[in-house]
PDB file of N, CA and C in Angstrom:
ATOM      1  N   MET A   1     119.683 159.059 142.340  1.00  0.00           N
ATOM      2  CA  MET A   1     119.159 159.994 141.375  1.00  0.00           C
ATOM      3  C   MET A   1     118.549 159.218 140.209  1.00  0.00           C
ATOM      4  N   GLN A   2     117.508 159.759 139.675  1.00  0.00           N
ATOM      5  CA  GLN A   2     116.813 159.121 138.577  1.00  0.00           C
ATOM      6  C   GLN A   2     116.867 160.043 137.365  1.00  0.00           C
ATOM      7  N   GLU A   3     117.280 159.498 136.220  1.00  0.00           N
ATOM      8  CA  GLU A   3     117.328 160.298 135.001  1.00  0.00           C
ATOM      9  C   GLU A   3     115.948 160.302 134.376  1.00  0.00           C
ATOM     10  N   MET A   4     115.520 161.465 133.908  1.00  0.00           N
ATOM     11  CA  MET A   4     114.209 161.584 133.295  1.00  0.00           C
ATOM     12  C   MET A   4     114.367 162.058 131.857  1.00  0.00           C
ATOM     13  N   LEU A   5     113.489 161.599 130.996  1.00  0.00           N
ATOM     14  CA  LEU A   5     113.487 162.010 129.601  1.00  0.00           C
ATOM     15  C   LEU A   5     112.435 163.089 129.421  1.00  0.00           C
ATOM     16  N   LEU A   6     112.803 164.202 128.822  1.00  0.00           N
ATOM     17  CA  LEU A   6     111.847 165.266 128.547  1.00  0.00           C
ATOM     18  C   LEU A   6     111.235 165.048 127.176  1.00  0.00           C
ATOM     19  N   GLN A   7     109.919 165.056 127.118  1.00  0.00           N
ATOM     20  CA  GLN A   7     109.240 164.878 125.843  1.00  0.00           C
ATOM     21  C   GLN A   7     108.144 165.922 125.718  1.00  0.00           C
ATOM     22  N   GLY A   8     107.960 166.427 124.513  1.00  0.00           N
ATOM     23  CA  GLY A   8     106.890 167.376 124.266  1.00  0.00           C
ATOM     24  C   GLY A   8     105.604 166.645 123.919  1.00  0.00           C
ATOM     25  N   THR A   9     104.465 167.204 124.302  1.00  0.00           N
ATOM     26  CA  THR A   9     103.174 166.627 123.949  1.00  0.00           C
ATOM     27  C   THR A   9     102.255 167.747 123.507  1.00  0.00           C
ATOM     28  N   GLY A  10     101.209 167.376 122.804  1.00  0.00           N
ATOM     29  CA  GLY A  10     100.213 168.357 122.392  1.00  0.00           C
ATOM     30  C   GLY A  10     100.782 169.393 121.444  1.00  0.00           C
ATOM     31  N   PRO A  11     100.267 170.631 121.512  1.00  0.00           N
ATOM     32  CA  PRO A  11     100.665 171.663 120.559  1.00  0.00           C
ATOM     33  C   PRO A  11     102.130 172.078 120.663  1.00  0.00           C
ATOM     34  N   LEU A  12     102.786 171.790 121.778  1.00  0.00           N
ATOM     35  CA  LEU A  12     104.186 172.184 121.921  1.00  0.00           C
ATOM     36  C   LEU A  12     105.149 171.168 121.324  1.00  0.00           C
ATOM     37  N   GLU A  13     104.634 170.014 120.864  1.00  0.00           N
ATOM     38  CA  GLU A  13     105.520 168.945 120.417  1.00  0.00           C
ATOM     39  C   GLU A  13     106.443 169.385 119.288  1.00  0.00           C
ATOM     40  N   SER A  14     105.922 170.042 118.264  1.00  0.00           N
ATOM     41  CA  SER A  14     106.783 170.451 117.153  1.00  0.00           C
ATOM     42  C   SER A  14     107.785 171.514 117.608  1.00  0.00           C
ATOM     43  N   GLU A  15     107.356 172.395 118.493  1.00  0.00           N
ATOM     44  CA  GLU A  15     108.266 173.417 119.016  1.00  0.00           C
ATOM     45  C   GLU A  15     109.388 172.760 119.825  1.00  0.00           C
ATOM     46  N   THR A  16     109.031 171.760 120.642  1.00  0.00           N
ATOM     47  CA  THR A  16     110.033 171.035 121.423  1.00  0.00           C
ATOM     48  C   THR A  16     110.993 170.313 120.497  1.00  0.00           C
ATOM     49  N   MET A  17     110.477 169.692 119.450  1.00  0.00           N
ATOM     50  CA  MET A  17     111.319 168.968 118.503  1.00  0.00           C
ATOM     51  C   MET A  17     112.285 169.928 117.817  1.00  0.00           C
ATOM     52  N   ASN A  18     111.820 171.107 117.431  1.00  0.00           N
ATOM     53  CA  ASN A  18     112.703 172.080 116.789  1.00  0.00           C
ATOM     54  C   ASN A  18     113.811 172.520 117.735  1.00  0.00           C
ATOM     55  N   ARG A  19     113.479 172.722 119.012  1.00  0.00           N
ATOM     56  CA  ARG A  19     114.494 173.102 119.985  1.00  0.00           C
ATOM     57  C   ARG A  19     115.506 171.979 120.159  1.00  0.00           C
ATOM     58  N   THR A  20     115.028 170.738 120.196  1.00  0.00           N
ATOM     59  CA  THR A  20     115.919 169.591 120.348  1.00  0.00           C
ATOM     60  C   THR A  20     116.861 169.492 119.155  1.00  0.00           C
ATOM     61  N   GLN A  21     116.332 169.644 117.942  1.00  0.00           N
ATOM     62  CA  GLN A  21     117.175 169.593 116.749  1.00  0.00           C
ATOM     63  C   GLN A  21     118.192 170.729 116.774  1.00  0.00           C
ATOM     64  N   HIS A  22     117.777 171.905 117.205  1.00  0.00           N
ATOM     65  CA  HIS A  22     118.682 173.055 117.291  1.00  0.00           C
ATOM     66  C   HIS A  22     119.794 172.774 118.297  1.00  0.00           C
ATOM     67  N   LEU A  23     119.448 172.197 119.454  1.00  0.00           N
ATOM     68  CA  LEU A  23     120.455 171.867 120.460  1.00  0.00           C
ATOM     69  C   LEU A  23     121.454 170.860 119.917  1.00  0.00           C
ATOM     70  N   GLN A  24     120.971 169.873 119.147  1.00  0.00           N
ATOM     71  CA  GLN A  24     121.876 168.877 118.585  1.00  0.00           C
ATOM     72  C   GLN A  24     122.854 169.520 117.609  1.00  0.00           C
ATOM     73  N   LYS A  25     122.399 170.471 116.818  1.00  0.00           N
ATOM     74  CA  LYS A  25     123.285 171.160 115.884  1.00  0.00           C
ATOM     75  C   LYS A  25     124.356 171.954 116.620  1.00  0.00           C
ATOM     76  N   LEU A  26     124.013 172.456 117.797  1.00  0.00           N
ATOM     77  CA  LEU A  26     124.964 173.232 118.585  1.00  0.00           C
ATOM     78  C   LEU A  26     125.837 172.352 119.474  1.00  0.00           C
ATOM     79  N   LYS A  27     125.706 171.038 119.357  1.00  0.00           N
ATOM     80  CA  LYS A  27     126.464 170.080 120.178  1.00  0.00           C
ATOM     81  C   LYS A  27     126.186 170.309 121.656  1.00  0.00           C
ATOM     82  N   VAL A  28     124.915 170.398 121.995  1.00  0.00           N
ATOM     83  CA  VAL A  28     124.478 170.621 123.369  1.00  0.00           C
ATOM     84  C   VAL A  28     123.718 169.394 123.844  1.00  0.00           C
ATOM     85  N   THR A  29     123.964 168.998 125.082  1.00  0.00           N
ATOM     86  CA  THR A  29     123.248 167.885 125.678  1.00  0.00           C
ATOM     87  C   THR A  29     122.482 168.384 126.897  1.00  0.00           C
ATOM     88  N   LEU A  30     121.260 167.909 127.048  1.00  0.00           N
ATOM     89  CA  LEU A  30     120.413 168.263 128.176  1.00  0.00           C
ATOM     90  C   LEU A  30     120.084 166.996 128.950  1.00  0.00           C
ATOM     91  N   ARG A  31     120.288 167.014 130.253  1.00  0.00           N
ATOM     92  CA  ARG A  31     119.947 165.890 131.128  1.00  0.00           C
ATOM     93  C   ARG A  31     119.152 166.441 132.307  1.00  0.00           C
ATOM     94  N   VAL A  32     118.133 165.706 132.711  1.00  0.00           N
ATOM     95  CA  VAL A  32     117.319 166.091 133.855  1.00  0.00           C
ATOM     96  C   VAL A  32     117.312 164.933 134.846  1.00  0.00           C
ATOM     97  N   TYR A  33     117.600 165.235 136.098  1.00  0.00           N
ATOM     98  CA  TYR A  33     117.633 164.226 137.154  1.00  0.00           C
ATOM     99  C   TYR A  33     116.681 164.658 138.261  1.00  0.00           C
ATOM    100  N   GLN A  34     116.030 163.670 138.866  1.00  0.00           N
ATOM    101  CA  GLN A  34     115.118 163.962 139.965  1.00  0.00           C
ATOM    102  C   GLN A  34     115.504 163.121 141.176  1.00  0.00           C
ATOM    103  N   ALA A  35     115.500 163.739 142.339  1.00  0.00           N
ATOM    104  CA  ALA A  35     115.742 163.032 143.599  1.00  0.00           C
ATOM    105  C   ALA A  35     114.555 163.299 144.515  1.00  0.00           C
ATOM    106  N   LEU A  36     114.055 162.244 145.132  1.00  0.00           N
ATOM    107  CA  LEU A  36     112.926 162.364 146.047  1.00  0.00           C
ATOM    108  C   LEU A  36     113.339 161.867 147.420  1.00  0.00           C
ATOM    109  N   GLY A  37     113.039 162.636 148.456  1.00  0.00           N
ATOM    110  CA  GLY A  37     113.318 162.203 149.819  1.00  0.00           C
ATOM    111  C   GLY A  37     112.319 161.146 150.255  1.00  0.00           C
ATOM    112  N   SER A  38     112.723 160.278 151.169  1.00  0.00           N
ATOM    113  CA  SER A  38     111.834 159.223 151.654  1.00  0.00           C
ATOM    114  C   SER A  38     110.723 159.786 152.547  1.00  0.00           C
ATOM    115  N   ARG A  39     110.937 160.986 153.098  1.00  0.00           N
ATOM    116  CA  ARG A  39     109.926 161.681 153.898  1.00  0.00           C
ATOM    117  C   ARG A  39     110.191 163.187 153.760  1.00  0.00           C
ATOM    118  N   PRO A  40     109.222 164.025 154.077  1.00  0.00           N
ATOM    119  CA  PRO A  40     109.411 165.473 153.931  1.00  0.00           C
ATOM    120  C   PRO A  40     110.653 165.974 154.674  1.00  0.00           C
ATOM    121  N   GLY A  41     111.439 166.777 153.985  1.00  0.00           N
ATOM    122  CA  GLY A  41     112.618 167.392 154.585  1.00  0.00           C
ATOM    123  C   GLY A  41     113.817 166.483 154.772  1.00  0.00           C
ATOM    124  N   SER A  42     113.794 165.300 154.164  1.00  0.00           N
ATOM    125  CA  SER A  42     114.874 164.326 154.409  1.00  0.00           C
ATOM    126  C   SER A  42     116.007 164.364 153.389  1.00  0.00           C
ATOM    127  N   LEU A  43     115.921 165.244 152.415  1.00  0.00           N
ATOM    128  CA  LEU A  43     116.919 165.276 151.347  1.00  0.00           C
ATOM    129  C   LEU A  43     117.934 166.397 151.601  1.00  0.00           C
ATOM    130  N   SER A  44     119.202 166.020 151.787  1.00  0.00           N
ATOM    131  CA  SER A  44     120.286 166.989 151.994  1.00  0.00           C
ATOM    132  C   SER A  44     121.501 166.543 151.199  1.00  0.00           C
ATOM    133  N   PHE A  45     122.185 167.485 150.549  1.00  0.00           N
ATOM    134  CA  PHE A  45     123.341 167.133 149.731  1.00  0.00           C
ATOM    135  C   PHE A  45     124.142 168.378 149.391  1.00  0.00           C
ATOM    136  N   ILE A  46     125.364 168.155 148.887  1.00  0.00           N
ATOM    137  CA  ILE A  46     126.221 169.227 148.372  1.00  0.00           C
ATOM    138  C   ILE A  46     126.363 168.996 146.880  1.00  0.00           C
ATOM    139  N   LEU A  47     126.200 170.045 146.107  1.00  0.00           N
ATOM    140  CA  LEU A  47     126.177 169.953 144.656  1.00  0.00           C
ATOM    141  C   LEU A  47     127.289 170.815 144.063  1.00  0.00           C
ATOM    142  N   TYR A  48     128.078 170.235 143.147  1.00  0.00           N
ATOM    143  CA  TYR A  48     129.111 171.007 142.447  1.00  0.00           C
ATOM    144  C   TYR A  48     129.466 170.307 141.145  1.00  0.00           C
ATOM    145  N   LEU A  49     130.129 171.025 140.260  1.00  0.00           N
ATOM    146  CA  LEU A  49     130.619 170.479 138.996  1.00  0.00           C
ATOM    147  C   LEU A  49     132.135 170.450 139.042  1.00  0.00           C
ATOM    148  N   ASP A  50     132.733 169.395 138.476  1.00  0.00           N
ATOM    149  CA  ASP A  50     134.175 169.241 138.477  1.00  0.00           C
ATOM    150  C   ASP A  50     134.594 168.584 137.165  1.00  0.00           C
ATOM    151  N   SER A  51     135.861 168.657 136.831  1.00  0.00           N
ATOM    152  CA  SER A  51     136.384 168.054 135.611  1.00  0.00           C
ATOM    153  C   SER A  51     137.859 167.736 135.794  1.00  0.00           C
ATOM    154  N   LYS A  52     138.337 166.718 135.079  1.00  0.00           N
ATOM    155  CA  LYS A  52     139.769 166.407 135.073  1.00  0.00           C
ATOM    156  C   LYS A  52     140.526 167.355 134.140  1.00  0.00           C
ATOM    157  N   MET A  53     139.792 168.036 133.282  1.00  0.00           N
ATOM    158  CA  MET A  53     140.393 169.006 132.365  1.00  0.00           C
ATOM    159  C   MET A  53     140.592 170.345 133.085  1.00  0.00           C
ATOM    160  N   LYS A  54     141.382 171.230 132.468  1.00  0.00           N
ATOM    161  CA  LYS A  54     141.579 172.580 133.003  1.00  0.00           C
ATOM    162  C   LYS A  54     140.223 173.286 132.974  1.00  0.00           C
ATOM    163  N   HIS A  55     139.784 173.784 134.121  1.00  0.00           N
ATOM    164  CA  HIS A  55     138.446 174.366 134.186  1.00  0.00           C
ATOM    165  C   HIS A  55     138.323 175.358 135.343  1.00  0.00           C
ATOM    166  N   SER A  56     137.202 176.048 135.348  1.00  0.00           N
ATOM    167  CA  SER A  56     136.806 176.877 136.486  1.00  0.00           C
ATOM    168  C   SER A  56     135.296 176.737 136.638  1.00  0.00           C
ATOM    169  N   SER A  57     134.819 176.931 137.850  1.00  0.00           N
ATOM    170  CA  SER A  57     133.378 176.870 138.079  1.00  0.00           C
ATOM    171  C   SER A  57     132.996 177.909 139.124  1.00  0.00           C
ATOM    172  N   HIS A  58     131.737 178.327 139.075  1.00  0.00           N
ATOM    173  CA  HIS A  58     131.229 179.300 140.031  1.00  0.00           C
ATOM    174  C   HIS A  58     129.713 179.172 140.130  1.00  0.00           C
ATOM    175  N   VAL A  59     129.167 179.693 141.205  1.00  0.00           N
ATOM    176  CA  VAL A  59     127.719 179.707 141.408  1.00  0.00           C
ATOM    177  C   VAL A  59     127.177 181.022 140.865  1.00  0.00           C
ATOM    178  N   GLU A  60     126.064 180.935 140.149  1.00  0.00           N
ATOM    179  CA  GLU A  60     125.352 182.124 139.672  1.00  0.00           C
ATOM    180  C   GLU A  60     123.987 182.144 140.333  1.00  0.00           C
ATOM    181  N   GLY A  61     123.631 183.271 140.906  1.00  0.00           N
ATOM    182  CA  GLY A  61     122.349 183.368 141.600  1.00  0.00           C
ATOM    183  C   GLY A  61     122.328 182.437 142.803  1.00  0.00           C
ATOM    184  N   GLN A  62     121.146 181.920 143.114  1.00  0.00           N
ATOM    185  CA  GLN A  62     121.013 181.023 144.259  1.00  0.00           C
ATOM    186  C   GLN A  62     120.900 179.565 143.861  1.00  0.00           C
ATOM    187  N   ASN A  63     120.800 179.279 142.552  1.00  0.00           N
ATOM    188  CA  ASN A  63     120.519 177.892 142.194  1.00  0.00           C
ATOM    189  C   ASN A  63     121.220 177.395 140.926  1.00  0.00           C
ATOM    190  N   GLN A  64     122.258 178.061 140.459  1.00  0.00           N
ATOM    191  CA  GLN A  64     122.950 177.616 139.246  1.00  0.00           C
ATOM    192  C   GLN A  64     124.453 177.522 139.476  1.00  0.00           C
ATOM    193  N   ILE A  65     125.042 176.471 138.891  1.00  0.00           N
ATOM    194  CA  ILE A  65     126.495 176.314 138.894  1.00  0.00           C
ATOM    195  C   ILE A  65     126.942 176.277 137.440  1.00  0.00           C
ATOM    196  N   VAL A  66     127.964 177.052 137.112  1.00  0.00           N
ATOM    197  CA  VAL A  66     128.483 177.117 135.745  1.00  0.00           C
ATOM    198  C   VAL A  66     129.928 176.634 135.750  1.00  0.00           C
ATOM    199  N   LEU A  67     130.266 175.771 134.791  1.00  0.00           N
ATOM    200  CA  LEU A  67     131.623 175.249 134.641  1.00  0.00           C
ATOM    201  C   LEU A  67     132.064 175.476 133.204  1.00  0.00           C
ATOM    202  N   GLY A  68     133.306 175.884 133.015  1.00  0.00           N
ATOM    203  CA  GLY A  68     133.854 176.053 131.674  1.00  0.00           C
ATOM    204  C   GLY A  68     135.311 175.655 131.672  1.00  0.00           C
ATOM    205  N   GLY A  69     135.794 175.173 130.526  1.00  0.00           N
ATOM    206  CA  GLY A  69     137.192 174.782 130.469  1.00  0.00           C
ATOM    207  C   GLY A  69     137.631 174.402 129.076  1.00  0.00           C
ATOM    208  N   SER A  70     138.847 173.849 129.022  1.00  0.00           N
ATOM    209  CA  SER A  70     139.422 173.446 127.742  1.00  0.00           C
ATOM    210  C   SER A  70     140.293 172.215 127.943  1.00  0.00           C
ATOM    211  N   CYS A  71     140.622 171.581 126.823  1.00  0.00           N
ATOM    212  CA  CYS A  71     141.481 170.403 126.833  1.00  0.00           C
ATOM    213  C   CYS A  71     142.848 170.787 127.400  1.00  0.00           C
ATOM    214  N   MET A  72     143.406 169.953 128.279  1.00  0.00           N
ATOM    215  CA  MET A  72     144.693 170.270 128.923  1.00  0.00           C
ATOM    216  C   MET A  72     145.829 170.411 127.917  1.00  0.00           C
ATOM    217  N   ARG A  73     145.816 169.616 126.868  1.00  0.00           N
ATOM    218  CA  ARG A  73     146.936 169.596 125.924  1.00  0.00           C
ATOM    219  C   ARG A  73     146.934 170.781 124.968  1.00  0.00           C
ATOM    220  N   ASN A  74     145.751 171.319 124.698  1.00  0.00           N
ATOM    221  CA  ASN A  74     145.660 172.381 123.711  1.00  0.00           C
ATOM    222  C   ASN A  74     144.543 173.343 124.104  1.00  0.00           C
ATOM    223  N   PRO A  75     144.849 174.421 124.815  1.00  0.00           N
ATOM    224  CA  PRO A  75     143.815 175.347 125.266  1.00  0.00           C
ATOM    225  C   PRO A  75     143.000 175.965 124.133  1.00  0.00           C
ATOM    226  N   LYS A  76     143.554 175.987 122.921  1.00  0.00           N
ATOM    227  CA  LYS A  76     142.813 176.534 121.787  1.00  0.00           C
ATOM    228  C   LYS A  76     141.999 175.449 121.089  1.00  0.00           C
ATOM    229  N   GLY A  77     142.111 174.217 121.554  1.00  0.00           N
ATOM    230  CA  GLY A  77     141.395 173.092 120.952  1.00  0.00           C
ATOM    231  C   GLY A  77     139.984 172.959 121.499  1.00  0.00           C
ATOM    232  N   ILE A  78     139.693 171.833 122.118  1.00  0.00           N
ATOM    233  CA  ILE A  78     138.353 171.540 122.602  1.00  0.00           C
ATOM    234  C   ILE A  78     137.990 172.468 123.760  1.00  0.00           C
ATOM    235  N   GLN A  79     136.865 173.118 123.632  1.00  0.00           N
ATOM    236  CA  GLN A  79     136.313 173.977 124.680  1.00  0.00           C
ATOM    237  C   GLN A  79     135.028 173.317 125.179  1.00  0.00           C
ATOM    238  N   PHE A  80     134.742 173.434 126.462  1.00  0.00           N
ATOM    239  CA  PHE A  80     133.500 172.872 126.985  1.00  0.00           C
ATOM    240  C   PHE A  80     132.911 173.796 128.038  1.00  0.00           C
ATOM    241  N   THR A  81     131.615 173.683 128.194  1.00  0.00           N
ATOM    242  CA  THR A  81     130.913 174.444 129.214  1.00  0.00           C
ATOM    243  C   THR A  81     129.715 173.630 129.689  1.00  0.00           C
ATOM    244  N   ALA A  82     129.325 173.833 130.922  1.00  0.00           N
ATOM    245  CA  ALA A  82     128.156 173.152 131.478  1.00  0.00           C
ATOM    246  C   ALA A  82     127.475 174.083 132.468  1.00  0.00           C
ATOM    247  N   MET A  83     126.160 173.966 132.546  1.00  0.00           N
ATOM    248  CA  MET A  83     125.392 174.714 133.517  1.00  0.00           C
ATOM    249  C   MET A  83     124.446 173.749 134.216  1.00  0.00           C
ATOM    250  N   LEU A  84     124.436 173.782 135.530  1.00  0.00           N
ATOM    251  CA  LEU A  84     123.570 172.931 136.333  1.00  0.00           C
ATOM    252  C   LEU A  84     122.619 173.825 137.110  1.00  0.00           C
ATOM    253  N   GLU A  85     121.320 173.606 136.905  1.00  0.00           N
ATOM    254  CA  GLU A  85     120.315 174.380 137.631  1.00  0.00           C
ATOM    255  C   GLU A  85     119.622 173.474 138.628  1.00  0.00           C
ATOM    256  N   LEU A  86     119.419 173.972 139.822  1.00  0.00           N
ATOM    257  CA  LEU A  86     118.794 173.237 140.911  1.00  0.00           C
ATOM    258  C   LEU A  86     117.420 173.819 141.198  1.00  0.00           C
ATOM    259  N   GLN A  87     116.402 172.948 141.233  1.00  0.00           N
ATOM    260  CA  GLN A  87     115.059 173.345 141.646  1.00  0.00           C
ATOM    261  C   GLN A  87     114.675 172.429 142.798  1.00  0.00           C
ATOM    262  N   ILE A  88     114.266 173.001 143.916  1.00  0.00           N
ATOM    263  CA  ILE A  88     113.952 172.180 145.082  1.00  0.00           C
ATOM    264  C   ILE A  88     112.505 172.369 145.510  1.00  0.00           C
ATOM    265  N   GLY A  89     111.988 171.358 146.216  1.00  0.00           N
ATOM    266  CA  GLY A  89     110.647 171.425 146.764  1.00  0.00           C
ATOM    267  C   GLY A  89     110.708 171.306 148.273  1.00  0.00           C
ATOM    268  N   GLY A  90     109.777 171.957 148.935  1.00  0.00           N
ATOM    269  CA  GLY A  90     109.759 171.927 150.391  1.00  0.00           C
ATOM    270  C   GLY A  90     110.358 173.195 150.960  1.00  0.00           C
ATOM    271  N   THR A  91     110.724 173.136 152.215  1.00  0.00           N
ATOM    272  CA  THR A  91     111.250 174.314 152.912  1.00  0.00           C
ATOM    273  C   THR A  91     112.758 174.212 153.099  1.00  0.00           C
ATOM    274  N   ALA A  92     113.447 173.761 152.101  1.00  0.00           N
ATOM    275  CA  ALA A  92     114.897 173.552 152.175  1.00  0.00           C
ATOM    276  C   ALA A  92     115.650 174.871 152.278  1.00  0.00           C
ATOM    277  N   VAL A  93     116.847 174.769 152.818  1.00  0.00           N
ATOM    278  CA  VAL A  93     117.764 175.905 152.901  1.00  0.00           C
ATOM    279  C   VAL A  93     118.912 175.632 151.937  1.00  0.00           C
ATOM    280  N   ILE A  94     119.213 176.607 151.067  1.00  0.00           N
ATOM    281  CA  ILE A  94     120.332 176.485 150.132  1.00  0.00           C
ATOM    282  C   ILE A  94     121.425 177.445 150.582  1.00  0.00           C
ATOM    283  N   SER A  95     122.647 176.918 150.739  1.00  0.00           N
ATOM    284  CA  SER A  95     123.796 177.726 151.162  1.00  0.00           C
ATOM    285  C   SER A  95     124.893 177.655 150.116  1.00  0.00           C
ATOM    286  N   LEU A  96     125.707 178.692 150.060  1.00  0.00           N
ATOM    287  CA  LEU A  96     126.855 178.746 149.158  1.00  0.00           C
ATOM    288  C   LEU A  96     128.097 178.280 149.910  1.00  0.00           C
ATOM    289  N   LEU A  97     128.859 177.351 149.306  1.00  0.00           N
ATOM    290  CA  LEU A  97     130.116 176.872 149.883  1.00  0.00           C
ATOM    291  C   LEU A  97     131.246 177.135 148.898  1.00  0.00           C
ATOM    292  N   GLU A  98     132.333 177.712 149.355  1.00  0.00           N
ATOM    293  CA  GLU A  98     133.549 177.898 148.556  1.00  0.00           C
ATOM    294  C   GLU A  98     133.302 178.594 147.220  1.00  0.00           C
ATOM    295  N   SER A  99     132.291 179.379 147.086  1.00  0.00           N
ATOM    296  CA  SER A  99     131.900 180.136 145.888  1.00  0.00           C
ATOM    297  C   SER A  99     131.629 179.279 144.658  1.00  0.00           C
ATOM    298  N   ARG A 100     131.665 177.939 144.790  1.00  0.00           N
ATOM    299  CA  ARG A 100     131.407 177.085 143.625  1.00  0.00           C
ATOM    300  C   ARG A 100     130.538 175.871 143.934  1.00  0.00           C
ATOM    301  N   LYS A 101     130.051 175.774 145.173  1.00  0.00           N
ATOM    302  CA  LYS A 101     129.222 174.635 145.577  1.00  0.00           C
ATOM    303  C   LYS A 101     127.928 175.131 146.206  1.00  0.00           C
ATOM    304  N   LEU A 102     126.860 174.343 146.034  1.00  0.00           N
ATOM    305  CA  LEU A 102     125.589 174.624 146.685  1.00  0.00           C
ATOM    306  C   LEU A 102     125.301 173.517 147.691  1.00  0.00           C
ATOM    307  N   LYS A 103     124.933 173.901 148.898  1.00  0.00           N
ATOM    308  CA  LYS A 103     124.574 172.935 149.933  1.00  0.00           C
ATOM    309  C   LYS A 103     123.071 173.036 150.161  1.00  0.00           C
ATOM    310  N   VAL A 104     122.381 171.903 150.064  1.00  0.00           N
ATOM    311  CA  VAL A 104     120.936 171.843 150.253  1.00  0.00           C
ATOM    312  C   VAL A 104     120.653 171.067 151.532  1.00  0.00           C
ATOM    313  N   ASP A 105     119.860 171.646 152.416  1.00  0.00           N
ATOM    314  CA  ASP A 105     119.473 170.986 153.664  1.00  0.00           C
ATOM    315  C   ASP A 105     117.958 170.960 153.794  1.00  0.00           C
ATOM    316  N   GLY A 106     117.396 169.769 153.966  1.00  0.00           N
ATOM    317  CA  GLY A 106     115.984 169.624 154.299  1.00  0.00           C
ATOM    318  C   GLY A 106     115.001 169.757 153.160  1.00  0.00           C
ATOM    319  N   ALA A 107     115.354 169.321 151.964  1.00  0.00           N
ATOM    320  CA  ALA A 107     114.425 169.385 150.827  1.00  0.00           C
ATOM    321  C   ALA A 107     113.516 168.152 150.804  1.00  0.00           C
ATOM    322  N   ASP A 108     112.341 168.309 150.217  1.00  0.00           N
ATOM    323  CA  ASP A 108     111.448 167.174 149.972  1.00  0.00           C
ATOM    324  C   ASP A 108     111.850 166.470 148.681  1.00  0.00           C
ATOM    325  N   ARG A 109     112.242 167.279 147.702  1.00  0.00           N
ATOM    326  CA  ARG A 109     112.614 166.751 146.382  1.00  0.00           C
ATOM    327  C   ARG A 109     113.560 167.749 145.715  1.00  0.00           C
ATOM    328  N   ALA A 110     114.274 167.266 144.706  1.00  0.00           N
ATOM    329  CA  ALA A 110     115.183 168.133 143.949  1.00  0.00           C
ATOM    330  C   ALA A 110     115.134 167.736 142.483  1.00  0.00           C
ATOM    331  N   LEU A 111     115.155 168.718 141.629  1.00  0.00           N
ATOM    332  CA  LEU A 111     115.232 168.509 140.192  1.00  0.00           C
ATOM    333  C   LEU A 111     116.511 169.189 139.725  1.00  0.00           C
ATOM    334  N   LEU A 112     117.378 168.444 139.048  1.00  0.00           N
ATOM    335  CA  LEU A 112     118.647 168.970 138.551  1.00  0.00           C
ATOM    336  C   LEU A 112     118.596 168.984 137.033  1.00  0.00           C
ATOM    337  N   VAL A 113     118.844 170.124 136.439  1.00  0.00           N
ATOM    338  CA  VAL A 113     118.852 170.266 134.985  1.00  0.00           C
ATOM    339  C   VAL A 113     120.281 170.601 134.574  1.00  0.00           C
ATOM    340  N   LEU A 114     120.893 169.710 133.798  1.00  0.00           N
ATOM    341  CA  LEU A 114     122.274 169.882 133.346  1.00  0.00           C
ATOM    342  C   LEU A 114     122.283 170.108 131.844  1.00  0.00           C
ATOM    343  N   VAL A 115     122.886 171.207 131.421  1.00  0.00           N
ATOM    344  CA  VAL A 115     123.079 171.505 130.003  1.00  0.00           C
ATOM    345  C   VAL A 115     124.582 171.576 129.780  1.00  0.00           C
ATOM    346  N   ALA A 116     125.085 170.777 128.834  1.00  0.00           N
ATOM    347  CA  ALA A 116     126.526 170.731 128.576  1.00  0.00           C
ATOM    348  C   ALA A 116     126.781 170.892 127.090  1.00  0.00           C
ATOM    349  N   SER A 117     127.884 171.553 126.758  1.00  0.00           N
ATOM    350  CA  SER A 117     128.237 171.791 125.365  1.00  0.00           C
ATOM    351  C   SER A 117     129.744 171.658 125.199  1.00  0.00           C
ATOM    352  N   SER A 118     130.146 171.210 124.011  1.00  0.00           N
ATOM    353  CA  SER A 118     131.562 171.057 123.708  1.00  0.00           C
ATOM    354  C   SER A 118     131.803 171.384 122.248  1.00  0.00           C
ATOM    355  N   SER A 119     133.005 171.839 121.956  1.00  0.00           N
ATOM    356  CA  SER A 119     133.364 172.106 120.565  1.00  0.00           C
ATOM    357  C   SER A 119     133.767 170.825 119.839  1.00  0.00           C
ATOM    358  N   SER A 120     133.820 169.705 120.551  1.00  0.00           N
ATOM    359  CA  SER A 120     134.225 168.425 119.966  1.00  0.00           C
ATOM    360  C   SER A 120     133.028 167.654 119.426  1.00  0.00           C
ATOM    361  N   GLU A 121     133.188 166.996 118.295  1.00  0.00           N
ATOM    362  CA  GLU A 121     132.149 166.120 117.760  1.00  0.00           C
ATOM    363  C   GLU A 121     131.958 164.948 118.705  1.00  0.00           C
ATOM    364  N   GLY A 122     130.722 164.623 119.018  1.00  0.00           N
ATOM    365  CA  GLY A 122     130.426 163.441 119.814  1.00  0.00           C
ATOM    366  C   GLY A 122     130.587 163.603 121.304  1.00  0.00           C
ATOM    367  N   ALA A 123     130.975 164.758 121.778  1.00  0.00           N
ATOM    368  CA  ALA A 123     131.122 164.944 123.226  1.00  0.00           C
ATOM    369  C   ALA A 123     129.761 164.895 123.899  1.00  0.00           C
ATOM    370  N   PHE A 124     129.699 164.341 125.088  1.00  0.00           N
ATOM    371  CA  PHE A 124     128.498 164.255 125.915  1.00  0.00           C
ATOM    372  C   PHE A 124     127.409 163.377 125.317  1.00  0.00           C
ATOM    373  N   HIS A 125     127.671 162.590 124.306  1.00  0.00           N
ATOM    374  CA  HIS A 125     126.623 161.759 123.698  1.00  0.00           C
ATOM    375  C   HIS A 125     126.899 160.309 123.959  1.00  0.00           C
TER     376      HIS A 125
END
């Protein structure tokens, strides 16, 4: 997987910067990853979110996984949440596994967008 940096250009640059500053104030981190198959239809994988902390996760729609949880020692303390969105290229088949995993078969490429947030200072940075 390759991590990509999102940058605004042209007239949207100031709007993108404002959104980025707003996300930082909300203690939100955005990561984008891209995977490319070596040939058409060669990319297959299982995608899910997990944590060592107390958590739950589920699939929303056909292409999103949501995870939420809290610190094991103090459920009223640190809270966290993450959302992973999958965008695929080609004629891939996406299947649901165990109500919390997505299985992708035969994609040309995949773009994964992860948004994570925590009530803790410095989390995900």
